[in-house]
């Protein structure tokens, strides 16, 4: 009986440990998803800023050619 009880206790502890790790993994996965969304937002902003800089540069070049 002692061996069976010890093994059952060990199994319970392992289950708790596994559940804890699974919860941690889910939390990390959510962090990754949020980070990816943030990167996509920043990349979009960067593209917009580059387009704006290109537009302003062209306008500046056009004005300089007239002068």
Protein backbone atom coordinates (compact mmCIF):
# COMPACT_ATOMS: atom_id res chain seq x y z
CA UNK A 1 0.00 0.00 0.00
CA UNK A 2 2.76 2.44 0.84
CA UNK A 3 4.28 2.16 -2.61
CA UNK A 4 0.90 2.71 -4.27
CA UNK A 5 0.18 5.77 -2.10
CA UNK A 6 3.62 7.17 -2.80
CA UNK A 7 3.16 6.71 -6.55
CA UNK A 8 -0.31 8.28 -6.45
CA UNK A 9 1.08 11.24 -4.55
CA UNK A 10 3.89 11.58 -7.08
CA UNK A 11 1.38 11.45 -9.93
CA UNK A 12 -0.73 14.18 -8.30
CA UNK A 13 2.36 16.34 -7.85
CA UNK A 14 3.36 15.79 -11.45
CA UNK A 15 -0.14 16.71 -12.62
CA UNK A 16 -0.01 19.94 -10.61
CA UNK A 17 3.43 20.71 -12.01
CA UNK A 18 2.23 19.99 -15.54
CA UNK A 19 -0.83 22.21 -15.12
CA UNK A 20 1.35 25.03 -13.79
CA UNK A 21 3.69 24.74 -16.75
CA UNK A 22 0.80 24.63 -19.19
CA UNK A 23 -0.58 27.83 -17.67
CA UNK A 24 2.85 29.46 -17.95
CA UNK A 25 3.13 28.35 -21.59
CA UNK A 26 -0.30 29.77 -22.42
CA UNK A 27 0.73 33.06 -20.82
CA UNK A 28 3.96 33.13 -22.85
CA UNK A 29 2.03 32.30 -26.03
CA UNK A 30 -0.29 35.23 -25.37
CA UNK A 31 2.73 37.49 -24.84
CA UNK A 32 4.16 36.34 -28.17
CA UNK A 33 0.87 37.05 -29.95
CA UNK A 34 0.68 40.53 -28.41
CA UNK A 35 4.31 41.21 -29.31
CA UNK A 36 3.71 40.12 -32.90
CA UNK A 37 0.72 42.45 -33.13
CA UNK A 38 2.83 45.29 -31.76
CA UNK A 39 5.59 44.59 -34.29
CA UNK A 40 3.06 44.60 -37.12
CA UNK A 41 1.69 47.94 -35.91
CA UNK A 42 5.19 49.41 -35.73
CA UNK A 43 6.05 48.09 -39.20
CA UNK A 44 2.89 49.70 -40.57
CA UNK A 45 3.79 53.00 -38.92
CA UNK A 46 7.31 52.76 -40.34
CA UNK A 47 5.97 52.21 -43.87
CA UNK A 48 3.67 55.22 -43.47
CA UNK A 49 6.53 57.39 -42.23
CA UNK A 50 8.78 56.29 -45.09
CA UNK A 51 6.06 57.17 -47.58
CA UNK A 52 5.63 60.57 -45.97
CA UNK A 53 9.38 61.21 -46.02
CA UNK A 54 9.55 60.21 -49.69
CA UNK A 55 6.67 62.55 -50.51
CA UNK A 56 8.23 65.45 -48.65
CA UNK A 57 11.61 64.75 -50.28
CA UNK A 58 10.03 64.83 -53.74
CA UNK A 59 8.27 68.09 -52.95
CA UNK A 60 11.50 69.55 -51.61
CA UNK A 61 13.40 68.45 -54.71
CA UNK A 62 10.70 69.95 -56.94
CA UNK A 63 10.89 73.29 -55.11
CA UNK A 64 14.70 73.30 -55.31
CA UNK A 65 14.60 72.67 -59.06
CA UNK A 66 12.36 75.72 -59.53
CA UNK A 67 14.72 77.96 -57.59
